[in-house]
């Protein structure tokens, strides 16, 4: 089912939009992979992810790492169902705006 277009300020900021775009086609992704893909500092990504988590769009899970011998944990990010719906609706709104500008 196609999303009803709805512009979303919580998603629209460039880094938030890019995070949602990376997470949309996957079940989850490691924090470090997203950090590298976006070329952001750990602090900047953490703050941006927190803003998406605070509105219920991103879920943050931490678990023991199977590839490490120390006690550090792996952080994974995923879009919630609300996040997927909001992202899809935002993309639909952007498409509508672009189509209108090209007419």
C-alpha atoms as a PDB file:
ATOM      1  CA  UNK A   1       0.000   0.000   0.000  1.00  0.00           C
ATOM      2  CA  UNK A   2       1.355   3.391  -0.989  1.00  0.00           C
ATOM      3  CA  UNK A   3       1.838   5.957   1.773  1.00  0.00           C
ATOM      4  CA  UNK A   4      -0.319   9.054   1.904  1.00  0.00           C
ATOM      5  CA  UNK A   5       2.051  12.012   1.335  1.00  0.00           C
ATOM      6  CA  UNK A   6       2.896  13.848   4.552  1.00  0.00           C
ATOM      7  CA  UNK A   7       5.894  16.157   4.968  1.00  0.00           C
ATOM      8  CA  UNK A   8       7.665  15.315   8.237  1.00  0.00           C
ATOM      9  CA  UNK A   9       9.934  17.879   9.918  1.00  0.00           C
ATOM     10  CA  UNK A  10      11.339  15.239  12.291  1.00  0.00           C
ATOM     11  CA  UNK A  11      12.696  13.271   9.327  1.00  0.00           C
ATOM     12  CA  UNK A  12      13.502  16.041   6.851  1.00  0.00           C
ATOM     13  CA  UNK A  13      16.826  17.265   8.305  1.00  0.00           C
ATOM     14  CA  UNK A  14      19.546  15.856   6.021  1.00  0.00           C
ATOM     15  CA  UNK A  15      21.231  13.436   8.426  1.00  0.00           C
ATOM     16  CA  UNK A  16      17.914  12.176   9.806  1.00  0.00           C
ATOM     17  CA  UNK A  17      16.616  11.651   6.277  1.00  0.00           C
ATOM     18  CA  UNK A  18      19.779   9.785   5.305  1.00  0.00           C
ATOM     19  CA  UNK A  19      19.604   7.547   8.397  1.00  0.00           C
ATOM     20  CA  UNK A  20      15.999   6.640   7.626  1.00  0.00           C
ATOM     21  CA  UNK A  21      16.936   6.025   3.991  1.00  0.00           C
ATOM     22  CA  UNK A  22      19.684   3.614   5.014  1.00  0.00           C
ATOM     23  CA  UNK A  23      17.466   1.803   7.512  1.00  0.00           C
ATOM     24  CA  UNK A  24      14.325   1.575   5.345  1.00  0.00           C
ATOM     25  CA  UNK A  25      15.325  -1.427   3.210  1.00  0.00           C
ATOM     26  CA  UNK A  26      16.955  -3.442   6.023  1.00  0.00           C
ATOM     27  CA  UNK A  27      15.834  -5.000   9.298  1.00  0.00           C
ATOM     28  CA  UNK A  28      18.653  -3.276  11.189  1.00  0.00           C
ATOM     29  CA  UNK A  29      22.160  -1.900  10.758  1.00  0.00           C
ATOM     30  CA  UNK A  30      25.133  -1.480  13.051  1.00  0.00           C
ATOM     31  CA  UNK A  31      25.722   2.005  14.416  1.00  0.00           C
ATOM     32  CA  UNK A  32      29.334   1.907  13.179  1.00  0.00           C
ATOM     33  CA  UNK A  33      28.264   1.064   9.620  1.00  0.00           C
ATOM     34  CA  UNK A  34      25.876   4.017   9.520  1.00  0.00           C
ATOM     35  CA  UNK A  35      28.508   6.295  11.077  1.00  0.00           C
ATOM     36  CA  UNK A  36      30.981   5.356   8.344  1.00  0.00           C
ATOM     37  CA  UNK A  37      28.414   5.591   5.546  1.00  0.00           C
ATOM     38  CA  UNK A  38      27.410   9.109   6.584  1.00  0.00           C
ATOM     39  CA  UNK A  39      30.920  10.194   7.618  1.00  0.00           C
ATOM     40  CA  UNK A  40      29.649  11.523  10.954  1.00  0.00           C
ATOM     41  CA  UNK A  41      31.299  11.629  14.340  1.00  0.00           C
ATOM     42  CA  UNK A  42      30.021   9.190  16.925  1.00  0.00           C
ATOM     43  CA  UNK A  43      28.642  12.088  18.998  1.00  0.00           C
ATOM     44  CA  UNK A  44      26.854  13.678  16.044  1.00  0.00           C
ATOM     45  CA  UNK A  45      25.290  10.379  14.982  1.00  0.00           C
ATOM     46  CA  UNK A  46      24.262   9.592  18.569  1.00  0.00           C
ATOM     47  CA  UNK A  47      22.506  12.950  18.901  1.00  0.00           C
ATOM     48  CA  UNK A  48      20.760  12.539  15.551  1.00  0.00           C
ATOM     49  CA  UNK A  49      19.658   8.986  16.334  1.00  0.00           C
ATOM     50  CA  UNK A  50      18.387  10.109  19.744  1.00  0.00           C
ATOM     51  CA  UNK A  51      16.154  12.708  18.064  1.00  0.00           C
ATOM     52  CA  UNK A  52      14.626   9.996  15.860  1.00  0.00           C
ATOM     53  CA  UNK A  53      14.298   7.582  18.788  1.00  0.00           C
ATOM     54  CA  UNK A  54      12.595  10.263  20.914  1.00  0.00           C
ATOM     55  CA  UNK A  55       9.760  10.558  18.372  1.00  0.00           C
ATOM     56  CA  UNK A  56       9.485   6.773  18.082  1.00  0.00           C
ATOM     57  CA  UNK A  57      10.951   6.347  14.591  1.00  0.00           C
ATOM     58  CA  UNK A  58      14.194   4.516  15.398  1.00  0.00           C
ATOM     59  CA  UNK A  59      14.846   1.651  17.814  1.00  0.00           C
ATOM     60  CA  UNK A  60      18.297   1.319  19.386  1.00  0.00           C
ATOM     61  CA  UNK A  61      19.352  -2.104  20.665  1.00  0.00           C
ATOM     62  CA  UNK A  62      22.599  -3.054  22.343  1.00  0.00           C
ATOM     63  CA  UNK A  63      23.911  -6.569  22.673  1.00  0.00           C
ATOM     64  CA  UNK A  64      27.094  -8.447  23.427  1.00  0.00           C
ATOM     65  CA  UNK A  65      29.341  -8.708  20.415  1.00  0.00           C
ATOM     66  CA  UNK A  66      30.119 -12.189  19.180  1.00  0.00           C
ATOM     67  CA  UNK A  67      33.171 -10.932  17.292  1.00  0.00           C
ATOM     68  CA  UNK A  68      34.882  -9.179  20.206  1.00  0.00           C
ATOM     69  CA  UNK A  69      36.763 -10.593  23.137  1.00  0.00           C
ATOM     70  CA  UNK A  70      36.201  -7.551  25.358  1.00  0.00           C
ATOM     71  CA  UNK A  71      32.979  -6.524  27.103  1.00  0.00           C
ATOM     72  CA  UNK A  72      31.978  -3.830  24.601  1.00  0.00           C
ATOM     73  CA  UNK A  73      28.533  -4.087  23.144  1.00  0.00           C
ATOM     74  CA  UNK A  74      27.291  -3.722  19.594  1.00  0.00           C
ATOM     75  CA  UNK A  75      24.681  -1.063  18.896  1.00  0.00           C
ATOM     76  CA  UNK A  76      22.134  -1.732  16.164  1.00  0.00           C
ATOM     77  CA  UNK A  77      19.571   0.661  14.746  1.00  0.00           C
ATOM     78  CA  UNK A  78      16.269  -0.127  13.089  1.00  0.00           C
ATOM     79  CA  UNK A  79      13.225   1.781  11.929  1.00  0.00           C
ATOM     80  CA  UNK A  80      10.093   1.156  13.935  1.00  0.00           C
ATOM     81  CA  UNK A  81       6.848   0.568  12.069  1.00  0.00           C
ATOM     82  CA  UNK A  82       5.928   4.194  12.839  1.00  0.00           C
ATOM     83  CA  UNK A  83       9.303   5.243  11.444  1.00  0.00           C
ATOM     84  CA  UNK A  84       8.758   3.264   8.248  1.00  0.00           C
ATOM     85  CA  UNK A  85       5.314   4.779   7.780  1.00  0.00           C
ATOM     86  CA  UNK A  86       6.575   8.311   8.477  1.00  0.00           C
ATOM     87  CA  UNK A  87       9.538   7.894   6.116  1.00  0.00           C
ATOM     88  CA  UNK A  88       7.368   6.480   3.328  1.00  0.00           C
ATOM     89  CA  UNK A  89       4.868   9.315   3.745  1.00  0.00           C
ATOM     90  CA  UNK A  90       7.672  11.900   3.745  1.00  0.00           C
ATOM     91  CA  UNK A  91       9.204  10.436   0.570  1.00  0.00           C
ATOM     92  CA  UNK A  92       5.754  10.486  -1.041  1.00  0.00           C
ATOM     93  CA  UNK A  93       5.375  14.164  -0.090  1.00  0.00           C
ATOM     94  CA  UNK A  94       8.790  14.969  -1.577  1.00  0.00           C
ATOM     95  CA  UNK A  95       7.861  13.139  -4.782  1.00  0.00           C
ATOM     96  CA  UNK A  96       4.622  15.128  -4.986  1.00  0.00           C
ATOM     97  CA  UNK A  97       6.549  18.394  -4.539  1.00  0.00           C
ATOM     98  CA  UNK A  98       9.060  17.460  -7.246  1.00  0.00           C
ATOM     99  CA  UNK A  99       6.361  16.348  -9.658  1.00  0.00           C
ATOM    100  CA  UNK A 100       4.520  19.627  -9.100  1.00  0.00           C
ATOM    101  CA  UNK A 101       7.685  21.622  -9.747  1.00  0.00           C
ATOM    102  CA  UNK A 102       8.314  19.794 -13.020  1.00  0.00           C
ATOM    103  CA  UNK A 103       4.803  20.338 -14.399  1.00  0.00           C
END
